Amino acid sequence: MTDSVKIVACPTCGQPVEWRPENAFRPFCSKRCKLIDLGEWA
């Protein structure tokens, strides 16, 4: 098994994000991008 970290693009801004359990905002890069996405659903 490898310790490679998966890198995904933030769905809001496209910035690269490490897909780790420690990342509370995944798949987003930040709280801001997470809230922007939530606002688009409302």
PDB file of N, CA and C in Angstrom:
ATOM      1  N   MET A   1       0.849  -1.193   0.000  1.00  0.00           N
ATOM      2  CA  MET A   1       0.000   0.000   0.000  1.00  0.00           C
ATOM      3  C   MET A   1       0.883   1.240   0.000  1.00  0.00           C
ATOM      4  N   THR A   2       0.492   2.227  -0.752  1.00  0.00           N
ATOM      5  CA  THR A   2       1.287   3.450  -0.820  1.00  0.00           C
ATOM      6  C   THR A   2       0.658   4.536   0.030  1.00  0.00           C
ATOM      7  N   ASP A   3       1.462   5.507   0.383  1.00  0.00           N
ATOM      8  CA  ASP A   3       0.990   6.639   1.172  1.00  0.00           C
ATOM      9  C   ASP A   3       0.710   7.846   0.290  1.00  0.00           C
ATOM     10  N   SER A   4       0.411   7.621  -0.975  1.00  0.00           N
ATOM     11  CA  SER A   4       0.160   8.747  -1.866  1.00  0.00           C
ATOM     12  C   SER A   4      -1.169   9.403  -1.508  1.00  0.00           C
ATOM     13  N   VAL A   5      -1.190  10.705  -1.641  1.00  0.00           N
ATOM     14  CA  VAL A   5      -2.377  11.484  -1.312  1.00  0.00           C
ATOM     15  C   VAL A   5      -3.076  11.850  -2.608  1.00  0.00           C
ATOM     16  N   LYS A   6      -4.365  11.608  -2.656  1.00  0.00           N
ATOM     17  CA  LYS A   6      -5.136  11.955  -3.846  1.00  0.00           C
ATOM     18  C   LYS A   6      -5.365  13.462  -3.870  1.00  0.00           C
ATOM     19  N   ILE A   7      -5.132  14.054  -5.016  1.00  0.00           N
ATOM     20  CA  ILE A   7      -5.358  15.485  -5.222  1.00  0.00           C
ATOM     21  C   ILE A   7      -6.591  15.636  -6.106  1.00  0.00           C
ATOM     22  N   VAL A   8      -7.551  16.420  -5.630  1.00  0.00           N
ATOM     23  CA  VAL A   8      -8.769  16.684  -6.397  1.00  0.00           C
ATOM     24  C   VAL A   8      -8.914  18.189  -6.583  1.00  0.00           C
ATOM     25  N   ALA A   9      -9.723  18.584  -7.525  1.00  0.00           N
ATOM     26  CA  ALA A   9      -9.978  20.009  -7.755  1.00  0.00           C
ATOM     27  C   ALA A   9     -11.179  20.446  -6.924  1.00  0.00           C
ATOM     28  N   CYS A  10     -11.066  21.588  -6.291  1.00  0.00           N
ATOM     29  CA  CYS A  10     -12.184  22.171  -5.543  1.00  0.00           C
ATOM     30  C   CYS A  10     -13.324  22.421  -6.533  1.00  0.00           C
ATOM     31  N   PRO A  11     -14.535  21.926  -6.238  1.00  0.00           N
ATOM     32  CA  PRO A  11     -15.645  22.116  -7.173  1.00  0.00           C
ATOM     33  C   PRO A  11     -16.031  23.580  -7.395  1.00  0.00           C
ATOM     34  N   THR A  12     -15.688  24.453  -6.466  1.00  0.00           N
ATOM     35  CA  THR A  12     -16.069  25.858  -6.583  1.00  0.00           C
ATOM     36  C   THR A  12     -15.043  26.674  -7.352  1.00  0.00           C
ATOM     37  N   CYS A  13     -13.762  26.566  -6.960  1.00  0.00           N
ATOM     38  CA  CYS A  13     -12.749  27.435  -7.569  1.00  0.00           C
ATOM     39  C   CYS A  13     -11.717  26.683  -8.412  1.00  0.00           C
ATOM     40  N   GLY A  14     -11.679  25.362  -8.306  1.00  0.00           N
ATOM     41  CA  GLY A  14     -10.758  24.577  -9.109  1.00  0.00           C
ATOM     42  C   GLY A  14      -9.369  24.411  -8.525  1.00  0.00           C
ATOM     43  N   GLN A  15      -9.125  24.982  -7.366  1.00  0.00           N
ATOM     44  CA  GLN A  15      -7.814  24.880  -6.723  1.00  0.00           C
ATOM     45  C   GLN A  15      -7.554  23.433  -6.290  1.00  0.00           C
ATOM     46  N   PRO A  16      -6.317  22.943  -6.390  1.00  0.00           N
ATOM     47  CA  PRO A  16      -6.018  21.573  -5.957  1.00  0.00           C
ATOM     48  C   PRO A  16      -6.193  21.408  -4.450  1.00  0.00           C
ATOM     49  N   VAL A  17      -6.792  20.270  -4.054  1.00  0.00           N
ATOM     50  CA  VAL A  17      -7.070  19.976  -2.649  1.00  0.00           C
ATOM     51  C   VAL A  17      -6.611  18.554  -2.349  1.00  0.00           C
ATOM     52  N   GLU A  18      -5.926  18.360  -1.225  1.00  0.00           N
ATOM     53  CA  GLU A  18      -5.550  17.017  -0.794  1.00  0.00           C
ATOM     54  C   GLU A  18      -6.774  16.333  -0.197  1.00  0.00           C
ATOM     55  N   TRP A  19      -7.070  15.111  -0.672  1.00  0.00           N
ATOM     56  CA  TRP A  19      -8.219  14.359  -0.169  1.00  0.00           C
ATOM     57  C   TRP A  19      -7.760  13.558   1.046  1.00  0.00           C
ATOM     58  N   ARG A  20      -7.894  14.156   2.231  1.00  0.00           N
ATOM     59  CA  ARG A  20      -7.486  13.529   3.481  1.00  0.00           C
ATOM     60  C   ARG A  20      -8.626  13.630   4.491  1.00  0.00           C
ATOM     61  N   PRO A  21      -8.724  12.654   5.401  1.00  0.00           N
ATOM     62  CA  PRO A  21      -9.754  12.725   6.452  1.00  0.00           C
ATOM     63  C   PRO A  21      -9.606  13.966   7.331  1.00  0.00           C
ATOM     64  N   GLU A  22      -8.385  14.481   7.468  1.00  0.00           N
ATOM     65  CA  GLU A  22      -8.142  15.659   8.305  1.00  0.00           C
ATOM     66  C   GLU A  22      -8.681  16.943   7.680  1.00  0.00           C
ATOM     67  N   ASN A  23      -8.943  16.919   6.383  1.00  0.00           N
ATOM     68  CA  ASN A  23      -9.439  18.104   5.686  1.00  0.00           C
ATOM     69  C   ASN A  23     -10.946  18.220   5.918  1.00  0.00           C
ATOM     70  N   ALA A  24     -11.329  19.092   6.825  1.00  0.00           N
ATOM     71  CA  ALA A  24     -12.741  19.234   7.203  1.00  0.00           C
ATOM     72  C   ALA A  24     -13.606  19.774   6.069  1.00  0.00           C
ATOM     73  N   PHE A  25     -13.004  20.406   5.072  1.00  0.00           N
ATOM     74  CA  PHE A  25     -13.779  21.039   4.000  1.00  0.00           C
ATOM     75  C   PHE A  25     -13.842  20.201   2.729  1.00  0.00           C
ATOM     76  N   ARG A  26     -13.200  19.034   2.695  1.00  0.00           N
ATOM     77  CA  ARG A  26     -13.160  18.258   1.462  1.00  0.00           C
ATOM     78  C   ARG A  26     -14.552  17.997   0.933  1.00  0.00           C
ATOM     79  N   PRO A  27     -14.826  18.059  -0.314  1.00  0.00           N
ATOM     80  CA  PRO A  27     -13.899  18.220  -1.425  1.00  0.00           C
ATOM     81  C   PRO A  27     -13.556  19.672  -1.734  1.00  0.00           C
ATOM     82  N   PHE A  28     -13.941  20.600  -0.860  1.00  0.00           N
ATOM     83  CA  PHE A  28     -13.666  22.017  -1.091  1.00  0.00           C
ATOM     84  C   PHE A  28     -12.323  22.402  -0.488  1.00  0.00           C
ATOM     85  N   CYS A  29     -11.750  23.519  -0.936  1.00  0.00           N
ATOM     86  CA  CYS A  29     -10.446  23.954  -0.436  1.00  0.00           C
ATOM     87  C   CYS A  29     -10.562  24.787   0.833  1.00  0.00           C
ATOM     88  N   SER A  30     -11.743  25.358   1.080  1.00  0.00           N
ATOM     89  CA  SER A  30     -11.894  26.244   2.237  1.00  0.00           C
ATOM     90  C   SER A  30     -13.359  26.316   2.657  1.00  0.00           C
ATOM     91  N   LYS A  31     -13.572  26.898   3.822  1.00  0.00           N
ATOM     92  CA  LYS A  31     -14.937  27.113   4.308  1.00  0.00           C
ATOM     93  C   LYS A  31     -15.692  28.029   3.352  1.00  0.00           C
ATOM     94  N   ARG A  32     -14.995  29.017   2.817  1.00  0.00           N
ATOM     95  CA  ARG A  32     -15.612  29.965   1.883  1.00  0.00           C
ATOM     96  C   ARG A  32     -16.197  29.235   0.675  1.00  0.00           C
ATOM     97  N   CYS A  33     -15.403  28.360   0.054  1.00  0.00           N
ATOM     98  CA  CYS A  33     -15.884  27.634  -1.125  1.00  0.00           C
ATOM     99  C   CYS A  33     -17.037  26.701  -0.762  1.00  0.00           C
ATOM    100  N   LYS A  34     -16.972  26.100   0.419  1.00  0.00           N
ATOM    101  CA  LYS A  34     -18.051  25.227   0.875  1.00  0.00           C
ATOM    102  C   LYS A  34     -19.356  26.015   1.023  1.00  0.00           C
ATOM    103  N   LEU A  35     -19.275  27.221   1.597  1.00  0.00           N
ATOM    104  CA  LEU A  35     -20.467  28.049   1.793  1.00  0.00           C
ATOM    105  C   LEU A  35     -21.011  28.596   0.474  1.00  0.00           C
ATOM    106  N   ILE A  36     -20.131  28.906  -0.463  1.00  0.00           N
ATOM    107  CA  ILE A  36     -20.578  29.356  -1.789  1.00  0.00           C
ATOM    108  C   ILE A  36     -21.408  28.257  -2.441  1.00  0.00           C
ATOM    109  N   ASP A  37     -20.935  27.017  -2.360  1.00  0.00           N
ATOM    110  CA  ASP A  37     -21.664  25.896  -2.941  1.00  0.00           C
ATOM    111  C   ASP A  37     -23.013  25.713  -2.249  1.00  0.00           C
ATOM    112  N   LEU A  38     -23.032  25.812  -0.931  1.00  0.00           N
ATOM    113  CA  LEU A  38     -24.283  25.685  -0.183  1.00  0.00           C
ATOM    114  C   LEU A  38     -25.278  26.760  -0.612  1.00  0.00           C
ATOM    115  N   GLY A  39     -24.795  27.976  -0.809  1.00  0.00           N
ATOM    116  CA  GLY A  39     -25.653  29.076  -1.239  1.00  0.00           C
ATOM    117  C   GLY A  39     -26.266  28.848  -2.607  1.00  0.00           C
ATOM    118  N   GLU A  40     -25.569  28.129  -3.475  1.00  0.00           N
ATOM    119  CA  GLU A  40     -26.101  27.846  -4.806  1.00  0.00           C
ATOM    120  C   GLU A  40     -27.249  26.842  -4.752  1.00  0.00           C
ATOM    121  N   TRP A  41     -27.319  26.055  -3.689  1.00  0.00           N
ATOM    122  CA  TRP A  41     -28.404  25.085  -3.532  1.00  0.00           C
ATOM    123  C   TRP A  41     -29.656  25.736  -2.945  1.00  0.00           C
ATOM    124  N   ALA A  42     -29.484  26.858  -2.257  1.00  0.00           N
ATOM    125  CA  ALA A  42     -30.627  27.496  -1.574  1.00  0.00           C
ATOM    126  C   ALA A  42     -31.491  28.281  -2.539  1.00  0.00           C
TER     127      ALA A  42
END
